[in-house]
Amino acid sequence: MPYYTPAQINAETAVCTQARRSAAFLVKQRARAYAKRPMTLENLCPGLATASHGTMLALAKHLFETERQTTRRWFGFGGEVPILNAKAALLRARARRRAKVRFPAA
């Protein structure tokens, strides 16, 4: 079993933490872009821009799960952008659902 120094453990923890922050930032940024230009959701799935929040949630979950189950290349790349898009659509759908509950007449 390899021995890791505290500096190695701290560096690995810092990299993982920053990776999570970066991914969250990208998802939020993409969700805001979908809110500003809903027709860009059509690139993910036709009809998604005009779908209700429940349908959008279901489709985003389906897109996310489908992308998670696809095989990856050995060097780790591939699938990151579609997963970020699916998570952003999921976040956008949840925001629409909250807005519908808070402001039902709008």
N, C-alpha and C. Protein backbone atom coordinates (compact mmCIF):
# COMPACT_ATOMS: atom_id res chain seq x y z
N MET A 1 0.84 -1.16 0.00
CA MET A 1 0.00 0.00 0.00
C MET A 1 0.90 1.24 0.00
N PRO A 2 0.66 2.16 -0.93
CA PRO A 2 1.53 3.34 -1.00
C PRO A 2 1.30 4.28 0.17
N TYR A 3 2.35 4.98 0.52
CA TYR A 3 2.27 5.96 1.59
C TYR A 3 2.13 7.35 0.98
N TYR A 4 1.14 8.09 1.42
CA TYR A 4 0.93 9.44 0.93
C TYR A 4 1.31 10.43 2.02
N THR A 5 2.07 11.43 1.64
CA THR A 5 2.44 12.47 2.60
C THR A 5 1.24 13.41 2.79
N PRO A 6 1.24 14.14 3.88
CA PRO A 6 0.14 15.10 4.08
C PRO A 6 0.05 16.13 2.95
N ALA A 7 1.18 16.50 2.39
CA ALA A 7 1.15 17.47 1.29
C ALA A 7 0.45 16.88 0.07
N GLN A 8 0.68 15.60 -0.23
CA GLN A 8 0.02 14.95 -1.35
C GLN A 8 -1.48 14.84 -1.12
N ILE A 9 -1.86 14.53 0.09
CA ILE A 9 -3.28 14.41 0.41
C ILE A 9 -3.94 15.78 0.30
N ASN A 10 -3.30 16.81 0.82
CA ASN A 10 -3.84 18.16 0.74
C ASN A 10 -3.95 18.62 -0.71
N ALA A 11 -2.96 18.31 -1.52
CA ALA A 11 -3.00 18.71 -2.94
C ALA A 11 -4.14 18.00 -3.66
N GLU A 12 -4.31 16.72 -3.40
CA GLU A 12 -5.38 15.97 -4.05
C GLU A 12 -6.75 16.48 -3.60
N THR A 13 -6.89 16.78 -2.34
CA THR A 13 -8.14 17.33 -1.82
C THR A 13 -8.43 18.69 -2.46
N ALA A 14 -7.40 19.51 -2.59
CA ALA A 14 -7.58 20.84 -3.19
C ALA A 14 -8.00 20.73 -4.65
N VAL A 15 -7.41 19.80 -5.38
CA VAL A 15 -7.76 19.61 -6.79
C VAL A 15 -9.20 19.12 -6.92
N CYS A 16 -9.60 18.16 -6.10
CA CYS A 16 -10.97 17.65 -6.14
C CYS A 16 -11.98 18.73 -5.78
N THR A 17 -11.66 19.53 -4.77
CA THR A 17 -12.55 20.61 -4.37
C THR A 17 -12.70 21.64 -5.48
N GLN A 18 -11.59 22.00 -6.10
CA GLN A 18 -11.66 22.98 -7.18
C GLN A 18 -12.39 22.42 -8.39
N ALA A 19 -12.25 21.14 -8.65
CA ALA A 19 -12.96 20.52 -9.77
C ALA A 19 -14.47 20.58 -9.53
N ARG A 20 -14.91 20.33 -8.31
CA ARG A 20 -16.34 20.42 -7.99
C ARG A 20 -16.85 21.85 -8.14
N ARG A 21 -16.06 22.81 -7.67
CA ARG A 21 -16.46 24.22 -7.81
C ARG A 21 -16.55 24.62 -9.28
N SER A 22 -15.59 24.19 -10.06
CA SER A 22 -15.59 24.54 -11.49
C SER A 22 -16.79 23.94 -12.20
N ALA A 23 -17.08 22.68 -11.90
CA ALA A 23 -18.23 22.03 -12.53
C ALA A 23 -19.53 22.71 -12.12
N ALA A 24 -19.67 23.07 -10.85
CA ALA A 24 -20.88 23.76 -10.39
C ALA A 24 -21.01 25.12 -11.07
N PHE A 25 -19.90 25.83 -11.22
CA PHE A 25 -19.93 27.12 -11.90
C PHE A 25 -20.37 26.96 -13.35
N LEU A 26 -19.83 25.95 -14.04
CA LEU A 26 -20.19 25.73 -15.44
C LEU A 26 -21.67 25.37 -15.59
N VAL A 27 -22.17 24.54 -14.69
CA VAL A 27 -23.58 24.15 -14.76
C VAL A 27 -24.48 25.37 -14.53
N LYS A 28 -24.16 26.17 -13.52
CA LYS A 28 -24.97 27.36 -13.23
C LYS A 28 -24.91 28.36 -14.38
N GLN A 29 -23.72 28.54 -14.94
CA GLN A 29 -23.57 29.46 -16.06
C GLN A 29 -24.38 29.00 -17.27
N ARG A 30 -24.35 27.71 -17.56
CA ARG A 30 -25.11 27.18 -18.67
C ARG A 30 -26.60 27.27 -18.42
N ALA A 31 -27.05 27.04 -17.17
CA ALA A 31 -28.47 27.16 -16.84
C ALA A 31 -28.94 28.60 -17.01
N ARG A 32 -28.10 29.56 -16.63
CA ARG A 32 -28.46 30.97 -16.84
C ARG A 32 -28.55 31.29 -18.32
N ALA A 33 -27.66 30.71 -19.10
CA ALA A 33 -27.72 30.93 -20.56
C ALA A 33 -28.99 30.34 -21.13
N TYR A 34 -29.42 29.17 -20.64
CA TYR A 34 -30.68 28.58 -21.09
C TYR A 34 -31.86 29.45 -20.68
N ALA A 35 -31.77 30.11 -19.53
CA ALA A 35 -32.85 30.99 -19.09
C ALA A 35 -32.94 32.22 -19.99
N LYS A 36 -31.79 32.74 -20.41
CA LYS A 36 -31.79 33.92 -21.29
C LYS A 36 -32.23 33.58 -22.71
N ARG A 37 -31.81 32.41 -23.20
CA ARG A 37 -32.12 31.99 -24.56
C ARG A 37 -32.67 30.56 -24.53
N PRO A 38 -33.95 30.40 -24.22
CA PRO A 38 -34.52 29.06 -24.08
C PRO A 38 -34.43 28.20 -25.35
N MET A 39 -34.37 28.83 -26.51
CA MET A 39 -34.32 28.04 -27.74
C MET A 39 -33.02 27.24 -27.86
N THR A 40 -32.00 27.58 -27.08
CA THR A 40 -30.77 26.78 -27.11
C THR A 40 -30.97 25.40 -26.51
N LEU A 41 -32.06 25.22 -25.76
CA LEU A 41 -32.38 23.89 -25.24
C LEU A 41 -32.74 22.92 -26.36
N GLU A 42 -33.12 23.46 -27.51
CA GLU A 42 -33.47 22.61 -28.66
C GLU A 42 -32.27 21.78 -29.12
N ASN A 43 -31.05 22.25 -28.82
CA ASN A 43 -29.86 21.49 -29.19
C ASN A 43 -29.74 20.19 -28.41
N LEU A 44 -30.29 20.18 -27.20
CA LEU A 44 -30.26 18.97 -26.38
C LEU A 44 -31.30 17.96 -26.84
N CYS A 45 -32.51 18.45 -27.04
CA CYS A 45 -33.61 17.58 -27.42
C CYS A 45 -34.68 18.45 -28.09
N PRO A 46 -35.12 18.08 -29.27
CA PRO A 46 -36.16 18.88 -29.93
C PRO A 46 -37.43 18.98 -29.07
N GLY A 47 -37.95 20.19 -28.94
CA GLY A 47 -39.15 20.42 -28.16
C GLY A 47 -38.90 20.74 -26.71
N LEU A 48 -37.66 20.70 -26.28
CA LEU A 48 -37.34 20.93 -24.87
C LEU A 48 -37.57 22.38 -24.46
N ALA A 49 -37.38 23.31 -25.37
CA ALA A 49 -37.54 24.73 -25.04
C ALA A 49 -38.98 25.08 -24.71
N THR A 50 -39.92 24.40 -25.30
CA THR A 50 -41.33 24.71 -25.07
C THR A 50 -42.01 23.73 -24.12
N ALA A 51 -41.26 22.79 -23.59
CA ALA A 51 -41.84 21.77 -22.71
C ALA A 51 -42.15 22.36 -21.34
N SER A 52 -43.09 21.73 -20.66
CA SER A 52 -43.40 22.15 -19.29
C SER A 52 -42.24 21.77 -18.38
N HIS A 53 -42.25 22.32 -17.17
CA HIS A 53 -41.12 22.05 -16.28
C HIS A 53 -41.04 20.58 -15.89
N GLY A 54 -42.18 19.92 -15.77
CA GLY A 54 -42.17 18.48 -15.44
C GLY A 54 -41.58 17.65 -16.56
N THR A 55 -41.95 17.97 -17.79
CA THR A 55 -41.40 17.25 -18.94
C THR A 55 -39.92 17.54 -19.08
N MET A 56 -39.54 18.80 -18.84
CA MET A 56 -38.13 19.17 -18.94
C MET A 56 -37.30 18.43 -17.88
N LEU A 57 -37.84 18.30 -16.68
CA LEU A 57 -37.16 17.55 -15.63
C LEU A 57 -36.95 16.10 -16.04
N ALA A 58 -38.00 15.48 -16.53
CA ALA A 58 -37.91 14.07 -16.93
C ALA A 58 -36.91 13.87 -18.06
N LEU A 59 -36.95 14.75 -19.06
CA LEU A 59 -36.02 14.64 -20.18
C LEU A 59 -34.58 14.89 -19.75
N ALA A 60 -34.37 15.88 -18.89
CA ALA A 60 -33.02 16.17 -18.42
C ALA A 60 -32.46 15.00 -17.62
N LYS A 61 -33.30 14.39 -16.77
CA LYS A 61 -32.85 13.21 -16.01
C LYS A 61 -32.51 12.06 -16.95
N HIS A 62 -33.35 11.89 -17.98
CA HIS A 62 -33.09 10.84 -18.95
C HIS A 62 -31.79 11.10 -19.72
N LEU A 63 -31.56 12.34 -20.14
CA LEU A 63 -30.33 12.69 -20.85
C LEU A 63 -29.11 12.45 -19.96
N PHE A 64 -29.21 12.83 -18.70
CA PHE A 64 -28.12 12.65 -17.77
C PHE A 64 -27.79 11.17 -17.57
N GLU A 65 -28.81 10.36 -17.31
CA GLU A 65 -28.59 8.93 -17.09
C GLU A 65 -28.05 8.24 -18.34
N THR A 66 -28.57 8.62 -19.49
CA THR A 66 -28.09 8.03 -20.74
C THR A 66 -26.61 8.34 -20.94
N GLU A 67 -26.24 9.57 -20.67
CA GLU A 67 -24.84 9.96 -20.85
C GLU A 67 -23.93 9.31 -19.82
N ARG A 68 -24.42 9.11 -18.61
CA ARG A 68 -23.61 8.44 -17.58
C ARG A 68 -23.33 6.99 -17.95
N GLN A 69 -24.27 6.36 -18.66
CA GLN A 69 -24.11 4.95 -18.98
C GLN A 69 -23.29 4.69 -20.23
N THR A 70 -22.98 5.73 -20.99
CA THR A 70 -22.18 5.52 -22.19
C THR A 70 -20.73 5.26 -21.80
N THR A 71 -20.04 4.54 -22.65
CA THR A 71 -18.65 4.21 -22.35
C THR A 71 -17.75 5.43 -22.52
N ARG A 72 -16.67 5.44 -21.78
CA ARG A 72 -15.70 6.53 -21.82
C ARG A 72 -14.42 6.04 -22.47
N ARG A 73 -13.70 6.98 -23.02
CA ARG A 73 -12.39 6.64 -23.57
C ARG A 73 -11.42 6.39 -22.42
N TRP A 74 -10.35 5.71 -22.69
CA TRP A 74 -9.41 5.33 -21.64
C TRP A 74 -8.72 6.53 -21.01
N PHE A 75 -8.62 7.65 -21.74
CA PHE A 75 -7.90 8.80 -21.19
C PHE A 75 -8.83 9.77 -20.47
N GLY A 76 -10.09 9.39 -20.27
CA GLY A 76 -10.98 10.15 -19.41
C GLY A 76 -11.81 11.22 -20.08
N PHE A 77 -11.54 11.55 -21.33
CA PHE A 77 -12.30 12.60 -21.98
C PHE A 77 -13.50 12.01 -22.69
N GLY A 78 -14.50 12.84 -22.86
CA GLY A 78 -15.71 12.39 -23.55
C GLY A 78 -16.88 12.34 -22.60
N GLY A 79 -17.94 13.02 -22.96
CA GLY A 79 -19.15 12.97 -22.16
C GLY A 79 -19.29 14.10 -21.17
N GLU A 80 -18.24 14.88 -20.95
CA GLU A 80 -18.34 15.94 -19.95
C GLU A 80 -19.32 17.02 -20.39
N VAL A 81 -19.24 17.45 -21.62
CA VAL A 81 -20.12 18.53 -22.09
C VAL A 81 -21.58 18.10 -22.11
N PRO A 82 -21.94 16.94 -22.65
CA PRO A 82 -23.35 16.52 -22.59
C PRO A 82 -23.87 16.38 -21.16
N ILE A 83 -23.04 15.93 -20.24
CA ILE A 83 -23.48 15.81 -18.86
C ILE A 83 -23.70 17.19 -18.25
N LEU A 84 -22.79 18.12 -18.53
CA LEU A 84 -22.98 19.49 -18.04
C LEU A 84 -24.24 20.10 -18.62
N ASN A 85 -24.50 19.86 -19.90
CA ASN A 85 -25.73 20.38 -20.52
C ASN A 85 -26.97 19.78 -19.87
N ALA A 86 -26.95 18.48 -19.61
CA ALA A 86 -28.10 17.83 -18.99
C ALA A 86 -28.32 18.34 -17.57
N LYS A 87 -27.24 18.51 -16.81
CA LYS A 87 -27.38 19.02 -15.45
C LYS A 87 -27.87 20.46 -15.46
N ALA A 88 -27.43 21.26 -16.46
CA ALA A 88 -27.90 22.64 -16.56
C ALA A 88 -29.39 22.67 -16.92
N ALA A 89 -29.82 21.79 -17.81
CA ALA A 89 -31.25 21.73 -18.14
C ALA A 89 -32.05 21.29 -16.93
N LEU A 90 -31.50 20.39 -16.15
CA LEU A 90 -32.17 19.95 -14.92
C LEU A 90 -32.29 21.11 -13.93
N LEU A 91 -31.22 21.87 -13.77
CA LEU A 91 -31.26 23.03 -12.89
C LEU A 91 -32.26 24.07 -13.39
N ARG A 92 -32.30 24.29 -14.69
CA ARG A 92 -33.24 25.24 -15.28
C ARG A 92 -34.69 24.80 -15.05
N ALA A 93 -34.95 23.51 -15.21
CA ALA A 93 -36.30 22.99 -14.99
C ALA A 93 -36.72 23.14 -13.54
N ARG A 94 -35.79 22.90 -12.62
CA ARG A 94 -36.12 23.06 -11.20
C ARG A 94 -36.40 24.51 -10.87
N ALA A 95 -35.64 25.42 -11.48
CA ALA A 95 -35.87 26.85 -11.25
C ALA A 95 -37.24 27.26 -11.80
N ARG A 96 -37.61 26.73 -12.96
CA ARG A 96 -38.94 27.03 -13.53
C ARG A 96 -40.04 26.50 -12.62
N ARG A 97 -39.83 25.31 -12.05
CA ARG A 97 -40.83 24.72 -11.16
C ARG A 97 -40.99 25.57 -9.90
N ARG A 98 -39.86 26.04 -9.32
CA ARG A 98 -39.94 26.90 -8.14
C ARG A 98 -40.64 28.22 -8.47
N ALA A 99 -40.34 28.77 -9.63
CA ALA A 99 -40.97 30.04 -10.03
C ALA A 99 -42.48 29.84 -10.22
N LYS A 100 -42.88 28.71 -10.73
CA LYS A 100 -44.31 28.42 -10.94
C LYS A 100 -45.04 28.31 -9.60
N VAL A 101 -44.37 27.75 -8.59
CA VAL A 101 -44.98 27.62 -7.27
C VAL A 101 -45.06 28.98 -6.59
N ARG A 102 -43.99 29.77 -6.70
CA ARG A 102 -43.97 31.08 -6.04
C ARG A 102 -44.88 32.10 -6.71
N PHE A 103 -44.89 32.08 -8.04
CA PHE A 103 -45.67 33.07 -8.81
C PHE A 103 -46.58 32.32 -9.78
N PRO A 104 -47.69 31.76 -9.31
CA PRO A 104 -48.54 30.93 -10.17
C PRO A 104 -49.19 31.68 -11.33
N ALA A 105 -49.43 32.98 -11.20
CA ALA A 105 -50.11 33.71 -12.27
C ALA A 105 -49.15 34.11 -13.38
N ALA A 106 -47.86 34.09 -13.13
CA ALA A 106 -46.89 34.56 -14.12
C ALA A 106 -46.63 33.56 -15.19
